[in-house]
């Protein structure tokens, strides 16, 4: 489990366990009046038994929760690790002092109990802080989904209005066609119908793929980009994605597309977005490029300038980790590039999706 997680997360769990182990060792040392390397089979049995019992309880009660925390909860673990390592250092100092003192008086016993209690309370607060941060992240994602749904509702309302307008105007179009027919001007009828078809297509959303969730997200943000004067080119070739939840797909696509549209809106010159979504074997690859003339600062491969900071990027990385994937950011030739790769994407069906420009 530790090898599959980030180093900071592994260090936190390791520090928490060793803090507990040091506390248990000190308690046994006080109760049995023993020191390092000393003690008979009973004392060593206590040392091993208490550690094994905690490991047993961990595997039965807490392992799945901890693994979910490692995979799904994205917070600044540096702060958590710093506090946890500090408590471990304090416990280690007490442990060393226990060996050097060579005696257990009441004051020393009180010191061990108070230090151990402090260690337990601090780690309980750290886990509580992690859980509360998870709730905050989930709230941010729920707000993002709500924003996406509202945009989709607005899009449906605009589509309904276009349909009403088309029904209202159809009588006038029929009159024009009928007049051309009476004049037997068939070429003008064909030209008029072709122009009518082109204009009607522009009123409705483009169909990017057969996956309704992905199609709705793409339509929402591509339409928004189009309204803002952003040129969009999309190459969407998506098959079945049964292994990837719709919730995660929305989180990944909506966060990246919203960042891309917002970045293009800040540009003053030509604005472009290029979207690519396809599958290769069991991998789903999503690449989004958008115009970027501003200087972007990266830290550990992640953009950290003010416009791109926040829960969005952490959410994308969190979703990618759930599918053993990766997220990469870069800037090249005046374009900001975000690439997301997910594993276990399912199989590809031919003939789904295609290239669209608008």
Protein backbone atom coordinates (compact mmCIF):
# COMPACT_ATOMS: atom_id res chain seq x y z
CA UNK A 1 0.00 0.00 0.00
CA UNK A 2 2.81 2.40 0.85
CA UNK A 3 4.69 1.83 -2.40
CA UNK A 4 1.55 2.75 -4.36
CA UNK A 5 1.12 6.09 -2.61
CA UNK A 6 2.94 9.40 -2.64
CA UNK A 7 6.10 9.59 -0.46
CA UNK A 8 4.53 12.14 1.89
CA UNK A 9 1.53 9.90 2.54
CA UNK A 10 3.80 6.91 3.21
CA UNK A 11 5.95 8.98 5.57
CA UNK A 12 2.84 10.06 7.48
CA UNK A 13 1.66 6.49 8.04
CA UNK A 14 5.17 5.35 8.95
CA UNK A 15 5.60 8.20 11.43
CA UNK A 16 2.20 7.55 13.01
CA UNK A 17 2.97 3.85 13.44
CA UNK A 18 6.42 4.42 14.94
CA UNK A 19 5.02 7.04 17.31
CA UNK A 20 2.53 4.46 18.53
CA UNK A 21 5.21 1.77 18.73
CA UNK A 22 7.49 4.05 20.82
CA UNK A 23 4.62 4.84 23.18
CA UNK A 24 3.81 1.14 23.63
CA UNK A 25 7.46 0.31 24.23
CA UNK A 26 7.75 3.05 26.89
CA UNK A 27 4.60 1.89 28.66
CA UNK A 28 5.84 -1.69 28.78
CA UNK A 29 9.22 -0.44 29.95
CA UNK A 30 7.59 1.45 32.83
CA UNK A 31 5.17 -1.33 33.82
CA UNK A 32 7.82 -4.09 33.73
CA UNK A 33 10.70 -1.84 34.86
CA UNK A 34 12.77 -2.93 31.87
CA UNK A 35 14.95 -1.13 29.34
CA UNK A 36 16.24 -1.58 25.80
CA UNK A 37 17.42 -5.11 25.08
CA UNK A 38 16.25 -6.30 28.49
CA UNK A 39 13.39 -8.48 29.53
CA UNK A 40 12.38 -12.10 29.39
CA UNK A 41 9.97 -13.93 27.08
CA UNK A 42 6.95 -12.38 28.80
CA UNK A 43 8.13 -8.81 28.16
CA UNK A 44 9.04 -9.56 24.56
CA UNK A 45 5.68 -11.30 24.19
CA UNK A 46 3.95 -8.12 25.39
CA UNK A 47 5.95 -6.00 22.95
CA UNK A 48 5.16 -8.27 20.00
CA UNK A 49 1.55 -8.96 21.07
CA UNK A 50 0.52 -5.32 21.37
CA UNK A 51 2.04 -4.46 18.00
CA UNK A 52 0.51 -7.48 16.28
CA UNK A 53 -2.90 -6.78 17.83
CA UNK A 54 -2.85 -3.23 16.50
CA UNK A 55 -1.80 -4.48 13.05
CA UNK A 56 -4.65 -7.01 13.18
CA UNK A 57 -7.17 -4.31 14.07
CA UNK A 58 -5.75 -2.12 11.33
CA UNK A 59 -6.21 -4.84 8.71
CA UNK A 60 -9.76 -5.63 9.90
CA UNK A 61 -11.15 -2.16 10.63
CA UNK A 62 -9.03 0.61 9.16
CA UNK A 63 -7.11 -0.70 6.17
CA UNK A 64 -9.79 0.00 3.55
CA UNK A 65 -10.47 3.46 4.99
CA UNK A 66 -6.77 4.32 4.99
CA UNK A 67 -6.37 3.04 1.44
CA UNK A 68 -9.34 5.13 0.30
CA UNK A 69 -7.81 8.12 2.06
CA UNK A 70 -4.52 7.54 0.25
CA UNK A 71 -6.18 7.20 -3.15
CA UNK A 72 -8.96 9.79 -3.00
CA UNK A 73 -8.11 12.49 -0.47
CA UNK A 74 -5.86 15.18 -1.86
CA UNK A 75 -4.57 17.72 0.66
CA UNK A 76 -1.28 19.33 1.56
CA UNK A 77 0.25 16.33 3.34
CA UNK A 78 3.46 18.23 4.06
CA UNK A 79 1.80 19.98 6.99
CA UNK A 80 0.36 16.70 8.29
CA UNK A 81 3.70 14.91 7.93
CA UNK A 82 5.60 17.73 9.63
CA UNK A 83 3.36 17.57 12.70
CA UNK A 84 3.43 13.77 12.79
CA UNK A 85 7.23 13.57 12.46
CA UNK A 86 7.58 16.19 15.19
CA UNK A 87 5.57 14.01 17.60
CA UNK A 88 7.71 11.01 16.64
CA UNK A 89 10.89 12.99 17.39
CA UNK A 90 9.49 13.98 20.78
CA UNK A 91 8.62 10.35 21.54
CA UNK A 92 12.10 9.28 20.45
CA UNK A 93 13.72 11.85 22.77
CA UNK A 94 11.62 10.51 25.65
CA UNK A 95 12.63 6.97 24.66
CA UNK A 96 16.35 7.84 24.67
CA UNK A 97 15.97 9.67 27.96
CA UNK A 98 14.30 6.55 29.37
CA UNK A 99 17.39 4.50 28.56
CA UNK A 100 19.82 7.09 29.93
CA UNK A 101 17.90 7.71 33.15
CA UNK A 102 17.78 4.01 34.05
CA UNK A 103 14.95 4.56 36.55
CA UNK A 104 11.21 5.13 36.59
CA UNK A 105 10.07 7.60 39.22
CA UNK A 106 6.61 9.17 39.39
CA UNK A 107 7.69 12.31 37.57
CA UNK A 108 9.08 10.28 34.69
CA UNK A 109 5.95 8.11 34.52
CA UNK A 110 3.83 11.28 34.35
CA UNK A 111 6.08 12.57 31.56
CA UNK A 112 5.63 9.39 29.55
CA UNK A 113 1.85 9.36 30.03
CA UNK A 114 1.43 13.03 29.16
CA UNK A 115 3.72 12.76 26.12
CA UNK A 116 1.95 9.64 24.92
CA UNK A 117 -1.46 11.25 25.39
CA UNK A 118 -0.26 14.27 23.43
CA UNK A 119 0.89 11.96 20.63
CA UNK A 120 -2.48 10.17 20.47
CA UNK A 121 -4.49 13.41 20.55
CA UNK A 122 -2.32 15.03 17.84
CA UNK A 123 -2.75 12.08 15.49
CA UNK A 124 -6.49 11.96 16.13
CA UNK A 125 -6.64 15.64 15.20
CA UNK A 126 -4.53 15.00 12.09
CA UNK A 127 -6.93 12.32 10.88
CA UNK A 128 -9.85 14.61 11.69
CA UNK A 129 -8.17 17.37 9.68
CA UNK A 130 -7.73 15.00 6.73
CA UNK A 131 -11.40 13.97 6.85
CA UNK A 132 -12.58 17.58 7.05
CA UNK A 133 -10.34 18.47 4.09
CA UNK A 134 -11.93 15.59 2.19
CA UNK A 135 -15.39 17.02 2.93
CA UNK A 136 -14.23 20.43 1.68
CA UNK A 137 -12.91 18.86 -1.55
CA UNK A 138 -16.16 16.98 -2.07
CA UNK A 139 -18.12 20.19 -1.54
CA UNK A 140 -16.00 21.95 -4.17
CA UNK A 141 -16.65 19.11 -6.61
CA UNK A 142 -20.38 19.15 -5.90
CA UNK A 143 -20.39 22.88 -6.61
CA UNK A 144 -18.55 22.23 -9.87
CA UNK A 145 -21.10 19.59 -10.86
CA UNK A 146 -23.92 21.95 -9.97
CA UNK A 147 -22.34 24.64 -12.12
CA UNK A 148 -22.02 22.18 -14.99
CA UNK A 149 -25.65 21.07 -14.62
CA UNK A 150 -26.84 24.69 -14.59
CA UNK A 151 -24.87 25.36 -17.76
CA UNK A 152 -26.40 22.26 -19.32
CA UNK A 153 -29.91 23.39 -18.34
CA UNK A 154 -29.24 26.79 -19.91
CA UNK A 155 -28.05 25.01 -23.04
CA UNK A 156 -31.26 22.97 -23.16
CA UNK A 157 -33.32 26.13 -22.67
CA UNK A 158 -31.54 27.78 -25.59
CA UNK A 159 -32.13 24.69 -27.71
CA UNK A 160 -35.84 24.75 -26.85
CA UNK A 161 -36.02 28.43 -27.77
CA UNK A 162 -34.35 27.67 -31.11
CA UNK A 163 -36.88 24.91 -31.78
CA UNK A 164 -39.77 27.26 -31.04
CA UNK A 165 -38.25 29.86 -33.33
CA UNK A 166 -37.80 27.28 -36.08
CA UNK A 167 -41.42 26.17 -35.79
CA UNK A 168 -42.53 29.80 -35.93
CA UNK A 169 -40.41 30.56 -39.00
CA UNK A 170 -41.12 27.35 -40.91
CA UNK A 171 -44.24 28.87 -42.50
CA UNK A 172 -42.18 31.70 -43.96
CA UNK A 173 -39.58 29.27 -45.30
CA UNK A 174 -42.34 27.20 -46.93
CA UNK A 175 -43.69 30.33 -48.60
CA UNK A 176 -40.27 31.10 -50.11
CA UNK A 177 -39.83 27.53 -51.36
CA UNK A 178 -43.37 27.49 -52.77
CA UNK A 179 -42.73 30.74 -54.65
CA UNK A 180 -39.56 29.31 -56.21
CA UNK A 181 -41.46 26.16 -57.10
CA UNK A 182 -44.17 28.15 -58.89
CA UNK A 183 -41.42 29.88 -60.86
CA UNK A 184 -39.83 26.45 -61.52
CA UNK A 185 -36.52 27.84 -60.27
CA UNK A 186 -35.20 24.55 -58.92
CA UNK A 187 -31.59 25.69 -58.54
CA UNK A 188 -32.61 28.49 -56.19
CA UNK A 189 -34.76 25.99 -54.23
CA UNK A 190 -31.75 23.73 -53.75
CA UNK A 191 -29.49 26.65 -52.81
CA UNK A 192 -32.04 27.97 -50.34
CA UNK A 193 -32.53 24.56 -48.71
CA UNK A 194 -28.76 24.07 -48.39
CA UNK A 195 -28.37 27.45 -46.72
CA UNK A 196 -31.31 26.68 -44.44
CA UNK A 197 -29.72 23.36 -43.40
CA UNK A 198 -26.39 25.01 -42.57
CA UNK A 199 -28.02 27.67 -40.41
CA UNK A 200 -30.14 25.11 -38.56
CA UNK A 201 -27.11 22.97 -37.76
CA UNK A 202 -25.42 25.92 -36.10
CA UNK A 203 -28.30 26.27 -33.66
CA UNK A 204 -27.83 22.85 -32.12
CA UNK A 205 -25.09 21.20 -30.19
CA UNK A 206 -22.63 19.04 -32.03
CA UNK A 207 -22.59 15.34 -31.23
CA UNK A 208 -19.05 14.54 -30.10
CA UNK A 209 -19.57 10.92 -29.04
CA UNK A 210 -22.20 8.41 -27.96
CA UNK A 211 -21.29 8.64 -24.30
CA UNK A 212 -24.00 11.05 -23.05
CA UNK A 213 -22.01 12.27 -20.04
CA UNK A 214 -18.86 13.07 -22.01
CA UNK A 215 -20.91 14.53 -24.86
CA UNK A 216 -22.87 16.84 -22.53
CA UNK A 217 -19.73 18.12 -20.80
CA UNK A 218 -17.98 18.74 -24.11
CA UNK A 219 -21.03 20.43 -25.62
CA UNK A 220 -21.45 22.70 -22.61
CA UNK A 221 -17.89 24.02 -22.59
CA UNK A 222 -17.38 24.03 -26.36
CA UNK A 223 -20.55 26.11 -26.75
CA UNK A 224 -19.33 28.46 -24.04
CA UNK A 225 -15.98 28.75 -25.80
CA UNK A 226 -17.70 29.42 -29.11
CA UNK A 227 -19.81 32.20 -27.59
CA UNK A 228 -16.60 33.79 -26.23
CA UNK A 229 -15.01 33.80 -29.68
CA UNK A 230 -12.65 30.88 -29.04
CA UNK A 231 -11.83 28.65 -32.00
CA UNK A 232 -12.27 25.02 -30.96
CA UNK A 233 -10.99 21.90 -32.70
CA UNK A 234 -12.01 18.56 -31.22
CA UNK A 235 -11.02 15.00 -32.09
CA UNK A 236 -13.19 12.73 -29.94
CA UNK A 237 -12.96 8.97 -30.47
CA UNK A 238 -14.46 7.35 -27.42
CA UNK A 239 -15.68 3.79 -26.94
CA UNK A 240 -16.98 2.05 -23.86
CA UNK A 241 -15.70 3.31 -20.49
CA UNK A 242 -17.52 0.96 -18.13
CA UNK A 243 -14.59 0.84 -15.71
CA UNK A 244 -14.52 4.62 -15.26
CA UNK A 245 -17.35 6.24 -13.34
CA UNK A 246 -19.32 9.08 -14.91
CA UNK A 247 -18.66 11.17 -11.79
CA UNK A 248 -14.90 10.95 -12.32
CA UNK A 249 -15.24 11.67 -16.04
CA UNK A 250 -17.20 14.83 -15.27
CA UNK A 251 -14.67 15.90 -12.64
CA UNK A 252 -11.74 15.46 -15.02
CA UNK A 253 -13.28 16.96 -18.16
CA UNK A 254 -15.17 19.82 -16.49
CA UNK A 255 -12.18 20.95 -14.42
CA UNK A 256 -9.76 20.92 -17.35
CA UNK A 257 -12.17 22.49 -19.82
CA UNK A 258 -13.23 25.19 -17.39
CA UNK A 259 -9.58 26.11 -16.75
CA UNK A 260 -8.91 26.16 -20.50
CA UNK A 261 -11.91 28.38 -21.30
CA UNK A 262 -11.08 30.75 -18.43
CA UNK A 263 -7.48 31.00 -19.62
CA UNK A 264 -8.54 31.78 -23.18
CA UNK A 265 -10.93 34.47 -21.96
CA UNK A 266 -7.96 36.30 -20.43
CA UNK A 267 -6.13 36.33 -23.77
CA UNK A 268 -6.33 39.44 -25.94
CA UNK A 269 -5.35 38.03 -29.33
CA UNK A 270 -6.32 34.89 -31.17
CA UNK A 271 -7.89 32.27 -28.92
CA UNK A 272 -7.76 28.55 -29.61
CA UNK A 273 -8.62 25.30 -27.90
CA UNK A 274 -7.71 21.84 -29.15
CA UNK A 275 -9.30 18.77 -27.60
CA UNK A 276 -8.33 15.15 -28.14
CA UNK A 277 -10.02 12.22 -26.41
CA UNK A 278 -9.36 8.67 -27.54
CA UNK A 279 -8.60 5.18 -26.28
CA UNK A 280 -5.56 3.06 -26.87
CA UNK A 281 -5.99 -0.44 -25.54
CA UNK A 282 -7.12 -0.12 -21.94
CA UNK A 283 -5.92 3.49 -21.67
CA UNK A 284 -8.08 6.58 -22.06
CA UNK A 285 -6.06 9.62 -23.15
CA UNK A 286 -7.40 13.15 -22.92
CA UNK A 287 -5.34 16.09 -24.16
CA UNK A 288 -6.45 19.70 -23.94
CA UNK A 289 -4.46 22.57 -25.47
CA UNK A 290 -5.38 26.21 -25.08
CA UNK A 291 -3.80 29.53 -26.03
CA UNK A 292 -1.43 30.73 -23.32
CA UNK A 293 0.81 33.78 -23.74
CA UNK A 294 1.25 34.45 -20.02
CA UNK A 295 4.19 32.99 -18.14
CA UNK A 296 3.23 29.88 -16.16
CA UNK A 297 5.29 28.83 -13.16
CA UNK A 298 5.48 25.12 -12.34
CA UNK A 299 6.26 23.39 -9.07
CA UNK A 300 6.71 19.61 -9.10
CA UNK A 301 5.20 19.57 -12.57
CA UNK A 302 2.01 21.39 -11.50
CA UNK A 303 1.12 24.98 -12.49
CA UNK A 304 1.09 27.20 -9.41
CA UNK A 305 0.27 30.66 -10.73
CA UNK A 306 -2.79 32.24 -9.16
CA UNK A 307 -5.19 31.62 -12.03
CA UNK A 308 -4.68 27.86 -12.02
CA UNK A 309 -4.37 27.11 -8.33
CA UNK A 310 -7.20 25.49 -6.41
CA UNK A 311 -9.09 22.29 -5.94
CA UNK A 312 -9.61 21.68 -9.67
CA UNK A 313 -6.13 20.39 -10.50
CA UNK A 314 -5.96 18.35 -7.30
CA UNK A 315 -9.31 16.80 -8.17
CA UNK A 316 -8.06 15.81 -11.63
CA UNK A 317 -4.91 14.27 -10.17
CA UNK A 318 -6.98 12.46 -7.53
CA UNK A 319 -9.27 10.94 -10.16
CA UNK A 320 -6.28 9.90 -12.27
CA UNK A 321 -4.66 8.16 -9.30
CA UNK A 322 -7.83 6.12 -8.74
CA UNK A 323 -7.28 4.55 -12.17
CA UNK A 324 -3.49 4.23 -11.88
CA UNK A 325 -3.19 7.10 -14.33
CA UNK A 326 -1.19 10.27 -14.64
CA UNK A 327 -1.64 14.01 -15.26
CA UNK A 328 1.00 16.10 -17.03
CA UNK A 329 1.12 19.86 -17.61
CA UNK A 330 3.38 21.80 -19.96
CA UNK A 331 3.62 24.94 -22.09
CA UNK A 332 4.91 24.84 -25.67
CA UNK A 333 4.59 27.16 -28.67
CA UNK A 334 2.20 29.50 -26.92
CA UNK A 335 -0.15 26.67 -25.85
CA UNK A 336 -0.84 25.34 -22.38
CA UNK A 337 -1.08 21.54 -22.57
CA UNK A 338 -2.80 19.22 -20.12
CA UNK A 339 -2.62 15.47 -20.70
CA UNK A 340 -4.58 12.95 -18.62
CA UNK A 341 -4.09 9.19 -18.98
CA UNK A 342 -6.43 6.73 -17.27
CA UNK A 343 -6.07 2.96 -17.20
CA UNK A 344 -8.80 0.29 -17.30
CA UNK A 345 -10.85 2.35 -19.76
CA UNK A 346 -12.55 -0.65 -21.39
CA UNK A 347 -12.71 -1.56 -25.04
CA UNK A 348 -12.93 0.65 -28.11
CA UNK A 349 -15.77 0.41 -30.62
CA UNK A 350 -14.99 1.60 -34.09
CA UNK A 351 -16.91 4.40 -35.70
CA UNK A 352 -17.63 6.41 -32.55
CA UNK A 353 -16.77 10.08 -32.48
CA UNK A 354 -14.74 12.07 -34.92
CA UNK A 355 -13.17 15.43 -35.59
CA UNK A 356 -15.18 18.61 -35.15
CA UNK A 357 -14.13 22.22 -35.64
CA UNK A 358 -16.08 25.33 -34.77
